[in-house]
């Protein structure tokens, strides 16, 4: 085990309490199957007070192996409370495997002092917690971090100026850039913003208040997202004003001073901390995870990437056996000098579609050839380039009755792959479908579209989606993306739309479909068609959107 890095003085002996973890954690722990056998019984020391740099009390629970000896420490900092599911999933499980676990409520949440302010205090509060750890007689000087979603952000924040004790990180479905969680190209991720607002406002108060708030939000969701103006409409559902959520919704520009210092992505440019990353193809943060991995590899850092067939939430439920095994192997390798469970390749992805399977890869991103597919006036999709840039197809988009969102990378239970039939039957959704495939086609990498589009108002969005159409005509979404369109007069704008990353095999007998509309509501806040702010607009103007023949979708080819 690594010796303490803060000093060489002997640590005073201390007998840890014999309390078992809370009953709720033990009951949930008993329901999990397919996990590694416990090596130790877990103990629990609740309600410790860790002083922040400004004196605020950060309330902390300590889980530990109830056996003699030195064990490394894992720091888990959360704005969502310290109860279920965090207590069994991170406190108990990792203590059973031979780690001290510090499960701490971020300031302003879960009884901790101060006021919660999205992202602004995580770096200094994390460092204050490490200072406190140095004084604990059971801390052996070896530290790792682990956790999902915002619990991933606090890890990146700590790594901006990493303490010498920090030897490994595991970021699960996590973010480094809060702006990109809430906005794409200046367009608000409306539904996700509301769900994050409910979670951060209520989950740390306990499961019952959180469930009630979530159900209330679900009941009022249509009224909120249809409100004009959108600003402030959420208060009836959340029961109070949430200042940070107001700020997030009213600052769509990534360059606004409000977002200065928000991104902790610079931590990935440092090669010093071995980092394992976990995401799913339909995770709302999948693109951020791929960005993190690319930055780590460019910096020469040691990194691993696991991408499963999961959404943001299912990675921690249905995918938990794989996610936990991956996380545990990484932490043992770098905190316990035991690499025996590491996989031989740095990248492991699950390829979906036909003959779905896990693939181990030596590198990511790959550099495959790219196939371009072009739309035709009769609704087909062809590999034959067009001869001109003439108008091809058009539709009328009414912001008051927009195309609805369906599946994809959401935070809600509606995320993931869905049958797009009802969506594609609408007059304001275009589809272009390729021929029946005579052999499988594998798409592996970043998908994107270049769309030539004109409008009659000058203001619109384009939402574009790749779908798999089976032999029965069922259309299932694979990946998608959205971009704003600004046009002048009758001249078309040429917009590149990143459509995320995928690993997917279209079966022989299936067809490739390209879907185009002017939005996906309430996943994205509606474009009023006037150029006015989306959260302050009271008037909506319908827009005619015309797609031109020089549009195309680009699919990176994988090996068959």
Protein backbone atom coordinates (compact mmCIF):
# COMPACT_ATOMS: atom_id res chain seq x y z
CA UNK A 1 0.00 0.00 0.00
CA UNK A 2 1.22 3.50 -0.75
CA UNK A 3 2.62 5.29 2.26
CA UNK A 4 1.09 8.60 3.39
CA UNK A 5 2.09 11.52 1.20
CA UNK A 6 1.31 14.31 3.68
CA UNK A 7 3.81 13.41 6.39
CA UNK A 8 5.85 10.56 7.78
CA UNK A 9 4.55 10.70 11.35
CA UNK A 10 2.94 7.57 12.81
CA UNK A 11 -0.83 7.65 12.87
CA UNK A 12 -2.47 7.29 16.29
CA UNK A 13 -4.43 4.11 16.80
CA UNK A 14 -8.18 4.40 16.81
CA UNK A 15 -10.97 1.93 17.28
CA UNK A 16 -13.75 2.46 14.76
CA UNK A 17 -17.37 2.12 15.87
CA UNK A 18 -19.14 -1.19 15.45
CA UNK A 19 -22.40 0.19 14.04
CA UNK A 20 -23.84 -1.58 11.02
CA UNK A 21 -24.93 0.42 7.96
CA UNK A 22 -28.54 1.67 8.06
CA UNK A 23 -31.27 -0.92 7.60
CA UNK A 24 -32.47 0.66 4.34
CA UNK A 25 -28.99 0.24 2.87
CA UNK A 26 -28.72 -3.36 4.04
CA UNK A 27 -32.12 -4.24 2.60
CA UNK A 28 -31.26 -2.78 -0.81
CA UNK A 29 -27.83 -4.40 -0.72
CA UNK A 30 -29.50 -7.78 -0.25
CA UNK A 31 -31.46 -7.43 -3.50
CA UNK A 32 -28.43 -7.16 -5.82
CA UNK A 33 -27.22 -10.16 -7.75
CA UNK A 34 -24.22 -10.78 -9.95
CA UNK A 35 -21.78 -8.73 -7.83
CA UNK A 36 -18.40 -9.88 -6.48
CA UNK A 37 -18.51 -11.59 -3.10
CA UNK A 38 -17.94 -9.32 -0.11
CA UNK A 39 -14.46 -9.50 1.43
CA UNK A 40 -15.36 -7.69 4.67
CA UNK A 41 -18.35 -6.72 6.76
CA UNK A 42 -19.15 -3.03 6.49
CA UNK A 43 -19.24 -0.58 9.39
CA UNK A 44 -20.83 2.85 9.55
CA UNK A 45 -19.95 6.12 11.26
CA UNK A 46 -22.70 8.64 10.41
CA UNK A 47 -23.05 12.37 10.80
CA UNK A 48 -19.42 13.46 10.91
CA UNK A 49 -18.73 17.18 10.46
CA UNK A 50 -16.05 18.22 7.99
CA UNK A 51 -15.19 21.94 8.04
CA UNK A 52 -15.13 23.70 4.67
CA UNK A 53 -12.62 26.46 4.09
CA UNK A 54 -15.22 29.10 5.01
CA UNK A 55 -16.29 27.19 8.12
CA UNK A 56 -19.44 25.64 6.66
CA UNK A 57 -20.13 22.18 8.07
CA UNK A 58 -20.07 19.44 5.41
CA UNK A 59 -22.02 16.51 6.84
CA UNK A 60 -20.33 13.20 6.11
CA UNK A 61 -20.91 9.47 6.63
CA UNK A 62 -17.97 7.09 6.91
CA UNK A 63 -18.25 3.46 5.75
CA UNK A 64 -15.36 1.10 6.39
CA UNK A 65 -14.29 -2.56 6.49
CA UNK A 66 -14.80 -3.99 9.96
CA UNK A 67 -11.39 -5.65 9.99
CA UNK A 68 -7.92 -4.68 11.16
CA UNK A 69 -5.44 -3.25 8.70
CA UNK A 70 -4.88 -0.32 6.38
CA UNK A 71 -7.32 0.34 3.56
CA UNK A 72 -7.40 3.05 0.87
CA UNK A 73 -10.11 5.71 0.94
CA UNK A 74 -12.77 6.64 -1.61
CA UNK A 75 -14.30 10.11 -1.60
CA UNK A 76 -17.91 10.36 -2.81
CA UNK A 77 -19.44 13.85 -2.69
CA UNK A 78 -23.12 14.24 -3.63
CA UNK A 79 -25.85 16.91 -3.73
CA UNK A 80 -28.47 14.13 -3.64
CA UNK A 81 -28.21 13.06 -0.01
CA UNK A 82 -26.45 10.19 1.72
CA UNK A 83 -29.29 7.68 1.93
CA UNK A 84 -30.61 5.14 -0.58
CA UNK A 85 -29.30 4.44 -3.18
CA UNK A 86 -25.95 6.05 -2.36
CA UNK A 87 -25.48 4.40 1.03
CA UNK A 88 -25.64 0.79 -0.26
CA UNK A 89 -24.36 1.40 -3.79
CA UNK A 90 -21.23 3.31 -2.81
CA UNK A 91 -20.93 3.18 0.98
CA UNK A 92 -21.63 -0.49 1.69
CA UNK A 93 -20.48 -2.16 -1.52
CA UNK A 94 -17.06 -0.55 -1.61
CA UNK A 95 -16.51 -0.91 2.14
CA UNK A 96 -17.22 -4.62 1.74
CA UNK A 97 -14.47 -4.74 -0.88
CA UNK A 98 -11.84 -3.16 1.36
CA UNK A 99 -12.18 0.63 1.14
CA UNK A 100 -12.94 3.42 3.54
CA UNK A 101 -15.75 5.39 1.90
CA UNK A 102 -16.44 9.04 2.69
CA UNK A 103 -19.99 9.83 1.56
CA UNK A 104 -20.49 13.57 1.91
CA UNK A 105 -23.37 15.95 1.22
CA UNK A 106 -22.35 18.95 -0.88
CA UNK A 107 -22.83 22.30 0.81
CA UNK A 108 -26.42 23.40 1.16
CA UNK A 109 -27.72 19.84 0.77
CA UNK A 110 -28.35 16.89 3.09
CA UNK A 111 -27.82 18.96 6.26
CA UNK A 112 -24.52 20.51 5.15
CA UNK A 113 -24.08 24.22 5.84
CA UNK A 114 -23.87 27.00 3.31
CA UNK A 115 -25.89 27.45 0.13
CA UNK A 116 -25.78 25.08 -2.81
CA UNK A 117 -24.61 26.90 -5.94
CA UNK A 118 -24.24 24.72 -8.99
CA UNK A 119 -20.52 23.91 -9.50
CA UNK A 120 -19.03 27.01 -7.81
CA UNK A 121 -17.83 25.43 -4.54
CA UNK A 122 -16.95 21.87 -5.45
CA UNK A 123 -13.20 22.32 -5.94
CA UNK A 124 -12.56 24.16 -2.66
CA UNK A 125 -14.91 21.93 -0.66
CA UNK A 126 -13.27 18.81 -2.07
CA UNK A 127 -9.82 20.06 -1.08
CA UNK A 128 -11.09 20.97 2.40
CA UNK A 129 -12.34 17.40 2.77
CA UNK A 130 -8.92 16.03 1.81
CA UNK A 131 -7.36 18.29 4.46
CA UNK A 132 -9.74 16.75 7.00
CA UNK A 133 -8.87 13.25 5.82
CA UNK A 134 -5.20 13.88 6.52
CA UNK A 135 -6.06 14.23 10.19
CA UNK A 136 -7.94 10.94 10.44
CA UNK A 137 -5.98 8.10 12.07
CA UNK A 138 -7.40 5.51 9.66
CA UNK A 139 -6.43 7.45 6.50
CA UNK A 140 -3.35 5.81 4.97
CA UNK A 141 -2.64 8.51 2.39
CA UNK A 142 -4.11 6.72 -0.61
CA UNK A 143 -7.23 8.31 -2.10
CA UNK A 144 -9.57 7.58 -4.99
CA UNK A 145 -12.87 9.04 -6.13
CA UNK A 146 -15.94 7.41 -7.66
CA UNK A 147 -19.49 8.38 -8.56
CA UNK A 148 -22.04 9.16 -11.30
CA UNK A 149 -23.59 12.24 -12.88
CA UNK A 150 -22.92 15.36 -10.75
CA UNK A 151 -20.83 13.09 -8.51
CA UNK A 152 -18.57 12.85 -11.54
CA UNK A 153 -18.36 16.62 -11.85
CA UNK A 154 -17.09 16.99 -8.28
CA UNK A 155 -14.31 14.54 -9.15
CA UNK A 156 -13.17 16.63 -12.11
CA UNK A 157 -13.36 19.76 -9.93
CA UNK A 158 -11.04 18.17 -7.35
CA UNK A 159 -8.67 17.09 -10.12
CA UNK A 160 -8.23 20.67 -11.37
CA UNK A 161 -5.70 21.11 -8.58
CA UNK A 162 -5.30 17.52 -7.43
CA UNK A 163 -4.00 16.72 -3.97
CA UNK A 164 -0.99 14.39 -4.02
CA UNK A 165 -3.00 11.64 -2.34
CA UNK A 166 -5.40 11.34 -5.29
CA UNK A 167 -4.33 8.21 -7.19
CA UNK A 168 -7.39 7.20 -9.25
CA UNK A 169 -10.82 8.35 -10.43
CA UNK A 170 -13.89 6.52 -11.72
CA UNK A 171 -16.38 8.85 -13.45
CA UNK A 172 -19.65 7.05 -14.19
CA UNK A 173 -22.13 8.70 -16.61
CA UNK A 174 -20.56 11.94 -15.42
CA UNK A 175 -20.16 15.49 -16.65
CA UNK A 176 -17.34 17.99 -16.68
CA UNK A 177 -19.21 20.86 -18.37
CA UNK A 178 -22.49 22.03 -16.78
CA UNK A 179 -23.28 24.24 -19.78
CA UNK A 180 -23.36 21.24 -22.10
CA UNK A 181 -25.68 19.43 -19.69
CA UNK A 182 -28.25 22.20 -20.06
CA UNK A 183 -27.74 23.60 -23.58
CA UNK A 184 -26.85 22.58 -27.14
CA UNK A 185 -25.93 25.35 -29.56
CA UNK A 186 -27.79 27.82 -27.34
CA UNK A 187 -30.90 25.63 -27.13
CA UNK A 188 -32.12 24.75 -23.62
CA UNK A 189 -32.43 21.05 -22.72
CA UNK A 190 -35.76 21.81 -21.10
CA UNK A 191 -36.89 18.44 -19.77
CA UNK A 192 -33.45 17.55 -18.43
CA UNK A 193 -33.14 20.95 -16.73
CA UNK A 194 -36.45 20.43 -14.92
CA UNK A 195 -35.48 16.92 -13.83
CA UNK A 196 -32.10 18.10 -12.52
CA UNK A 197 -33.88 20.92 -10.72
CA UNK A 198 -36.25 18.48 -9.00
CA UNK A 199 -33.42 16.10 -8.12
CA UNK A 200 -31.13 18.71 -6.63
CA UNK A 201 -33.97 20.41 -4.77
CA UNK A 202 -35.56 17.32 -3.22
CA UNK A 203 -33.47 14.15 -3.41
CA UNK A 204 -31.17 15.11 -0.54
CA UNK A 205 -34.25 15.55 1.66
CA UNK A 206 -35.06 11.85 1.51
CA UNK A 207 -36.72 9.36 -0.80
CA UNK A 208 -40.31 10.25 0.07
CA UNK A 209 -40.03 14.01 -0.65
CA UNK A 210 -38.09 13.25 -3.81
CA UNK A 211 -40.66 10.77 -5.12
CA UNK A 212 -43.50 13.19 -4.35
CA UNK A 213 -41.69 16.02 -6.15
CA UNK A 214 -40.96 13.81 -9.15
CA UNK A 215 -44.61 12.74 -9.40
CA UNK A 216 -45.75 16.34 -9.06
CA UNK A 217 -43.38 17.39 -11.84
CA UNK A 218 -44.71 14.60 -14.05
CA UNK A 219 -48.31 15.75 -13.46
CA UNK A 220 -47.51 19.38 -14.23
CA UNK A 221 -44.91 18.81 -16.95
CA UNK A 222 -47.19 19.66 -19.91
CA UNK A 223 -48.38 22.89 -18.30
CA UNK A 224 -44.80 23.91 -17.53
CA UNK A 225 -43.27 23.20 -20.92
CA UNK A 226 -46.21 24.74 -22.80
CA UNK A 227 -46.21 27.93 -20.71
CA UNK A 228 -45.64 31.33 -22.28
CA UNK A 229 -43.35 32.66 -21.03
CA UNK A 230 -41.45 29.59 -19.95
CA UNK A 231 -39.49 31.50 -17.31
CA UNK A 232 -40.72 30.77 -13.79
CA UNK A 233 -43.34 28.25 -14.94
CA UNK A 234 -41.69 25.42 -13.00
CA UNK A 235 -42.40 26.89 -9.54
CA UNK A 236 -45.84 25.27 -9.21
CA UNK A 237 -44.31 21.82 -9.71
CA UNK A 238 -41.12 22.28 -7.68
CA UNK A 239 -42.94 24.17 -4.95
CA UNK A 240 -40.41 26.97 -4.82
CA UNK A 241 -38.15 29.17 -6.88
CA UNK A 242 -34.71 27.66 -7.58
CA UNK A 243 -32.28 30.53 -8.26
CA UNK A 244 -29.57 28.45 -9.92
CA UNK A 245 -32.16 26.86 -12.24
CA UNK A 246 -33.40 30.32 -13.25
CA UNK A 247 -29.82 31.30 -14.03
CA UNK A 248 -29.22 28.15 -16.08
CA UNK A 249 -32.38 28.66 -18.13
CA UNK A 250 -31.75 32.33 -18.85
CA UNK A 251 -28.11 32.02 -19.94
CA UNK A 252 -28.10 30.08 -23.24
CA UNK A 253 -24.82 31.58 -24.48
CA UNK A 254 -21.78 29.46 -23.61
CA UNK A 255 -19.60 32.59 -23.60
CA UNK A 256 -21.74 34.42 -21.05
CA UNK A 257 -19.86 35.48 -17.89
CA UNK A 258 -22.29 33.31 -15.90
CA UNK A 259 -20.63 30.16 -17.24
CA UNK A 260 -17.07 31.34 -16.62
CA UNK A 261 -15.24 28.72 -14.58
CA UNK A 262 -18.08 26.20 -14.84
CA UNK A 263 -16.26 23.63 -16.94
CA UNK A 264 -13.80 21.38 -15.12
CA UNK A 265 -12.70 19.83 -18.41
CA UNK A 266 -9.19 21.18 -18.00
CA UNK A 267 -8.57 18.46 -15.43
CA UNK A 268 -8.65 15.89 -18.24
CA UNK A 269 -5.71 17.66 -19.88
CA UNK A 270 -3.48 16.58 -17.00
CA UNK A 271 -1.95 13.12 -17.45
CA UNK A 272 -1.35 12.36 -13.78
CA UNK A 273 -4.51 10.67 -12.44
CA UNK A 274 -5.53 7.28 -13.91
CA UNK A 275 -9.21 7.66 -14.81
CA UNK A 276 -11.88 5.13 -15.77
CA UNK A 277 -14.95 6.41 -17.64
CA UNK A 278 -18.35 4.75 -17.94
CA UNK A 279 -21.27 5.78 -20.14
CA UNK A 280 -24.15 4.38 -22.22
CA UNK A 281 -25.15 5.04 -25.82
CA UNK A 282 -28.38 6.72 -24.67
CA UNK A 283 -26.81 8.52 -21.68
CA UNK A 284 -27.64 12.23 -21.62
CA UNK A 285 -23.91 12.83 -20.97
CA UNK A 286 -22.45 10.39 -23.50
CA UNK A 287 -20.82 13.11 -25.59
CA UNK A 288 -19.13 14.61 -22.54
CA UNK A 289 -17.69 11.21 -21.65
CA UNK A 290 -16.19 10.78 -25.11
CA UNK A 291 -14.71 14.27 -24.85
CA UNK A 292 -13.17 13.39 -21.48
CA UNK A 293 -11.60 10.25 -22.89
CA UNK A 294 -10.19 12.09 -25.92
CA UNK A 295 -8.62 14.77 -23.73
CA UNK A 296 -7.11 12.23 -21.35
CA UNK A 297 -5.58 10.28 -24.22
CA UNK A 298 -4.23 13.41 -25.91
CA UNK A 299 -2.55 14.34 -22.64
CA UNK A 300 -0.95 10.91 -22.41
CA UNK A 301 -2.94 9.94 -19.35
CA UNK A 302 -3.89 6.42 -18.33
CA UNK A 303 -7.58 5.98 -19.08
CA UNK A 304 -10.21 3.31 -19.66
CA UNK A 305 -13.60 3.61 -21.35
CA UNK A 306 -16.68 1.40 -20.93
CA UNK A 307 -19.77 2.12 -23.09
CA UNK A 308 -22.82 -0.06 -22.58
CA UNK A 309 -26.36 -0.38 -23.95
CA UNK A 310 -27.64 1.97 -21.26
CA UNK A 311 -29.36 5.24 -20.51
CA UNK A 312 -28.21 7.63 -17.79
CA UNK A 313 -30.18 5.77 -15.14
CA UNK A 314 -30.07 2.19 -16.41
CA UNK A 315 -26.26 2.21 -16.25
CA UNK A 316 -26.68 2.26 -12.46
CA UNK A 317 -29.51 -0.28 -12.35
CA UNK A 318 -29.59 -2.84 -15.16
CA UNK A 319 -25.94 -2.20 -16.00
CA UNK A 320 -24.71 -2.06 -12.40
CA UNK A 321 -22.99 -5.48 -12.33
CA UNK A 322 -20.75 -4.45 -15.26
CA UNK A 323 -20.29 -0.89 -14.01
CA UNK A 324 -19.41 -1.99 -10.47
CA UNK A 325 -16.98 -4.67 -11.68
CA UNK A 326 -15.26 -2.15 -13.98
CA UNK A 327 -15.04 0.44 -11.21
CA UNK A 328 -13.77 -2.01 -8.62
CA UNK A 329 -11.10 -3.42 -10.92
CA UNK A 330 -9.79 0.06 -11.70
CA UNK A 331 -9.69 1.16 -8.07
CA UNK A 332 -7.98 -2.04 -6.92
CA UNK A 333 -5.40 -1.71 -9.67
CA UNK A 334 -4.44 1.86 -8.77
CA UNK A 335 -5.11 2.02 -5.03
CA UNK A 336 -4.28 -1.54 -3.96
CA UNK A 337 -1.60 -2.47 -6.51
CA UNK A 338 -3.78 -5.34 -7.77
CA UNK A 339 -4.29 -5.18 -11.57
CA UNK A 340 -5.49 -8.79 -11.83
CA UNK A 341 -9.08 -7.87 -12.79
CA UNK A 342 -8.27 -5.20 -15.38
CA UNK A 343 -9.33 -6.02 -18.93
CA UNK A 344 -6.54 -6.22 -21.51
CA UNK A 345 -7.73 -3.33 -23.70
CA UNK A 346 -8.46 0.26 -22.66
CA UNK A 347 -11.82 0.45 -24.48
CA UNK A 348 -14.85 -1.80 -24.22
CA UNK A 349 -18.07 -0.98 -26.08
CA UNK A 350 -21.37 -2.71 -26.63
CA UNK A 351 -22.35 -2.77 -30.30
CA UNK A 352 -26.13 -2.66 -30.68
CA UNK A 353 -28.47 -3.78 -33.43
CA UNK A 354 -27.95 -7.07 -35.25
CA UNK A 355 -25.77 -9.63 -33.43
CA UNK A 356 -25.34 -7.27 -30.49
CA UNK A 357 -22.12 -7.98 -28.61
CA UNK A 358 -19.36 -6.48 -26.50
CA UNK A 359 -16.19 -5.44 -28.34
CA UNK A 360 -12.76 -4.80 -26.84
CA UNK A 361 -10.77 -2.14 -28.66
CA UNK A 362 -7.23 -0.84 -28.36
CA UNK A 363 -8.15 2.73 -29.24
CA UNK A 364 -10.94 5.27 -29.55
CA UNK A 365 -11.88 7.14 -31.62
CA UNK A 366 -11.34 4.88 -34.57
CA UNK A 367 -10.64 6.36 -38.00
CA UNK A 368 -13.06 4.52 -40.26
CA UNK A 369 -14.08 5.50 -43.76
CA UNK A 370 -17.26 7.56 -43.91
CA UNK A 371 -20.23 6.83 -46.14
CA UNK A 372 -22.47 9.73 -47.16
CA UNK A 373 -26.17 9.21 -47.81
CA UNK A 374 -28.28 11.78 -49.66
CA UNK A 375 -32.06 12.46 -49.54
CA UNK A 376 -34.21 12.38 -52.65
CA UNK A 377 -37.47 14.10 -53.54
CA UNK A 378 -39.41 10.82 -53.35
CA UNK A 379 -38.33 10.16 -49.75
CA UNK A 380 -35.48 7.78 -50.50
CA UNK A 381 -31.95 7.77 -49.16
CA UNK A 382 -29.19 7.05 -51.64
CA UNK A 383 -25.41 6.99 -51.86
CA UNK A 384 -25.64 8.81 -55.22
CA UNK A 385 -24.74 12.52 -54.79
CA UNK A 386 -27.28 15.05 -56.12
CA UNK A 387 -26.66 17.05 -59.28
CA UNK A 388 -27.89 20.35 -57.80
CA UNK A 389 -28.95 22.07 -54.57
CA UNK A 390 -32.60 22.52 -55.47
CA UNK A 391 -35.34 22.55 -52.83
CA UNK A 392 -36.23 18.96 -52.00
CA UNK A 393 -38.99 18.82 -49.39
CA UNK A 394 -40.62 21.23 -46.96
CA UNK A 395 -42.91 21.21 -43.95
CA UNK A 396 -44.68 23.71 -41.72
CA UNK A 397 -43.48 23.78 -38.12
CA UNK A 398 -45.84 25.31 -35.58
CA UNK A 399 -44.11 26.06 -32.22
CA UNK A 400 -47.51 25.93 -30.56
CA UNK A 401 -47.91 22.29 -31.64
CA UNK A 402 -44.32 21.06 -32.09
CA UNK A 403 -43.02 17.63 -32.96
CA UNK A 404 -42.69 15.79 -29.63
CA UNK A 405 -39.53 14.25 -28.26
CA UNK A 406 -39.42 10.47 -28.26
CA UNK A 407 -36.67 8.47 -26.56
CA UNK A 408 -33.01 9.29 -27.04
CA UNK A 409 -30.50 10.56 -24.47
CA UNK A 410 -32.79 11.84 -21.73
CA UNK A 411 -32.55 11.70 -17.93
CA UNK A 412 -36.10 10.38 -17.60
CA UNK A 413 -37.44 6.85 -17.82
CA UNK A 414 -38.56 7.58 -21.41
CA UNK A 415 -34.94 7.61 -22.61
CA UNK A 416 -33.45 5.11 -25.03
CA UNK A 417 -34.55 3.36 -28.20
CA UNK A 418 -38.24 3.72 -29.08
CA UNK A 419 -40.61 2.92 -31.94
CA UNK A 420 -40.70 6.14 -33.98
CA UNK A 421 -43.78 5.22 -35.99
CA UNK A 422 -46.19 7.75 -34.46
CA UNK A 423 -43.59 10.50 -34.71
CA UNK A 424 -42.81 9.78 -38.36
CA UNK A 425 -46.49 9.84 -39.31
CA UNK A 426 -46.67 13.58 -38.58
CA UNK A 427 -46.78 16.16 -41.38
CA UNK A 428 -43.94 18.13 -39.76
CA UNK A 429 -41.46 15.23 -39.76
CA UNK A 430 -39.56 14.26 -42.92
CA UNK A 431 -38.15 10.79 -43.45
CA UNK A 432 -35.72 9.55 -46.07
CA UNK A 433 -35.25 5.78 -46.22
CA UNK A 434 -32.53 3.73 -47.87
CA UNK A 435 -32.94 0.50 -49.83
CA UNK A 436 -33.27 -2.89 -48.20
CA UNK A 437 -29.76 -3.90 -47.13
CA UNK A 438 -28.42 -7.03 -48.79
CA UNK A 439 -25.65 -7.31 -46.17
CA UNK A 440 -25.18 -5.94 -42.64
CA UNK A 441 -23.91 -2.36 -42.29
CA UNK A 442 -22.00 -1.39 -39.16
CA UNK A 443 -21.80 2.24 -38.03
CA UNK A 444 -19.01 2.85 -35.54
CA UNK A 445 -18.07 6.35 -34.44
CA UNK A 446 -19.38 9.91 -34.61
CA UNK A 447 -22.43 10.43 -36.83
CA UNK A 448 -23.16 13.87 -38.28
CA UNK A 449 -25.33 15.57 -40.87
CA UNK A 450 -24.84 18.56 -43.15
CA UNK A 451 -28.21 20.08 -43.89
CA UNK A 452 -28.94 22.79 -46.45
CA UNK A 453 -32.09 24.47 -45.20
CA UNK A 454 -34.11 27.62 -45.86
CA UNK A 455 -36.93 29.16 -43.81
CA UNK A 456 -39.52 31.88 -44.31
CA UNK A 457 -39.01 33.55 -40.92
CA UNK A 458 -35.21 33.34 -40.57
CA UNK A 459 -35.36 31.44 -37.26
CA UNK A 460 -35.71 27.69 -36.78
CA UNK A 461 -34.08 24.55 -35.40
CA UNK A 462 -33.31 21.30 -37.17
CA UNK A 463 -33.53 18.02 -35.30
CA UNK A 464 -32.04 15.09 -37.18
CA UNK A 465 -32.11 11.40 -36.24
CA UNK A 466 -30.66 8.13 -37.54
CA UNK A 467 -33.13 5.22 -37.40
CA UNK A 468 -33.12 1.48 -38.11
CA UNK A 469 -36.20 0.23 -40.01
CA UNK A 470 -36.78 -3.50 -39.67
CA UNK A 471 -38.52 -5.86 -42.10
CA UNK A 472 -41.89 -5.12 -40.48
CA UNK A 473 -41.45 -1.35 -40.93
CA UNK A 474 -40.72 -0.55 -37.28
CA UNK A 475 -38.41 2.48 -37.05
CA UNK A 476 -36.08 2.60 -34.02
CA UNK A 477 -33.87 5.57 -33.13
CA UNK A 478 -30.11 5.03 -33.00
CA UNK A 479 -28.67 8.53 -32.42
CA UNK A 480 -29.62 12.14 -33.08
CA UNK A 481 -28.75 15.82 -32.71
CA UNK A 482 -30.08 19.37 -32.98
CA UNK A 483 -28.77 22.73 -34.24
CA UNK A 484 -30.14 26.24 -34.66
CA UNK A 485 -30.74 27.68 -38.12
CA UNK A 486 -30.49 31.36 -39.01
CA UNK A 487 -31.34 32.26 -42.61
CA UNK A 488 -31.49 35.47 -44.61
CA UNK A 489 -34.04 35.82 -47.40
CA UNK A 490 -34.49 32.80 -49.64
CA UNK A 491 -30.87 31.67 -49.45
CA UNK A 492 -30.40 28.38 -47.60
CA UNK A 493 -28.13 28.05 -44.58
CA UNK A 494 -25.68 25.17 -44.43
CA UNK A 495 -25.75 23.65 -40.95
CA UNK A 496 -23.59 20.85 -39.56
CA UNK A 497 -25.41 18.86 -36.89
CA UNK A 498 -23.36 16.56 -34.62
CA UNK A 499 -25.50 13.48 -33.98
CA UNK A 500 -23.45 11.91 -31.19
CA UNK A 501 -21.51 8.65 -31.32
CA UNK A 502 -22.77 5.12 -31.84
CA UNK A 503 -21.77 1.51 -32.37
CA UNK A 504 -24.62 -0.13 -34.22
CA UNK A 505 -25.11 -2.84 -36.84
CA UNK A 506 -28.00 -2.61 -39.30
CA UNK A 507 -29.06 -6.14 -40.21
CA UNK A 508 -29.45 -7.46 -43.72
CA UNK A 509 -33.11 -6.97 -44.66
CA UNK A 510 -33.31 -3.71 -42.67
CA UNK A 511 -33.17 -0.15 -44.01
CA UNK A 512 -31.35 3.00 -42.90
CA UNK A 513 -33.63 5.99 -42.26
CA UNK A 514 -32.83 9.68 -41.84
CA UNK A 515 -35.45 11.67 -39.96
CA UNK A 516 -35.61 15.50 -40.01
CA UNK A 517 -37.90 17.84 -38.08
CA UNK A 518 -37.73 21.29 -36.47
CA UNK A 519 -37.47 20.22 -32.85
CA UNK A 520 -38.16 17.64 -30.18
CA UNK A 521 -40.36 19.04 -27.43
CA UNK A 522 -40.02 19.11 -24.42
CA UNK A 523 -36.52 17.67 -24.70
CA UNK A 524 -35.54 21.03 -26.20
CA UNK A 525 -37.20 24.38 -25.49
CA UNK A 526 -39.25 25.57 -28.46
CA UNK A 527 -37.89 28.06 -30.97
CA UNK A 528 -40.55 30.81 -31.10
CA UNK A 529 -39.65 31.60 -34.72
CA UNK A 530 -39.06 35.27 -33.92
CA UNK A 531 -35.52 35.39 -32.58
CA UNK A 532 -36.82 36.16 -29.08
CA UNK A 533 -35.50 34.34 -26.01
CA UNK A 534 -37.01 30.87 -25.69
CA UNK A 535 -37.73 31.27 -21.99
CA UNK A 536 -39.25 34.77 -22.29
CA UNK A 537 -41.20 34.49 -25.56
CA UNK A 538 -44.96 35.02 -25.41
CA UNK A 539 -45.68 34.93 -29.14
CA UNK A 540 -44.91 32.06 -31.53
CA UNK A 541 -44.71 32.28 -35.31
CA UNK A 542 -45.06 29.15 -37.49
CA UNK A 543 -42.17 28.60 -39.89
CA UNK A 544 -41.86 26.80 -43.19
CA UNK A 545 -38.68 24.76 -43.31
CA UNK A 546 -37.31 23.61 -46.68
CA UNK A 547 -34.58 21.00 -47.01
CA UNK A 548 -32.37 21.19 -50.10
CA UNK A 549 -30.92 18.38 -52.19
CA UNK A 550 -27.29 19.01 -51.20
CA UNK A 551 -28.01 17.79 -47.64
CA UNK A 552 -26.38 14.57 -46.43
CA UNK A 553 -25.87 12.32 -43.43
CA UNK A 554 -22.39 10.91 -42.77
CA UNK A 555 -22.02 7.43 -41.28
CA UNK A 556 -18.62 6.15 -40.08
CA UNK A 557 -18.17 2.57 -41.25
CA UNK A 558 -17.21 -0.25 -38.94
CA UNK A 559 -15.69 -3.56 -39.98
CA UNK A 560 -18.11 -6.37 -40.80
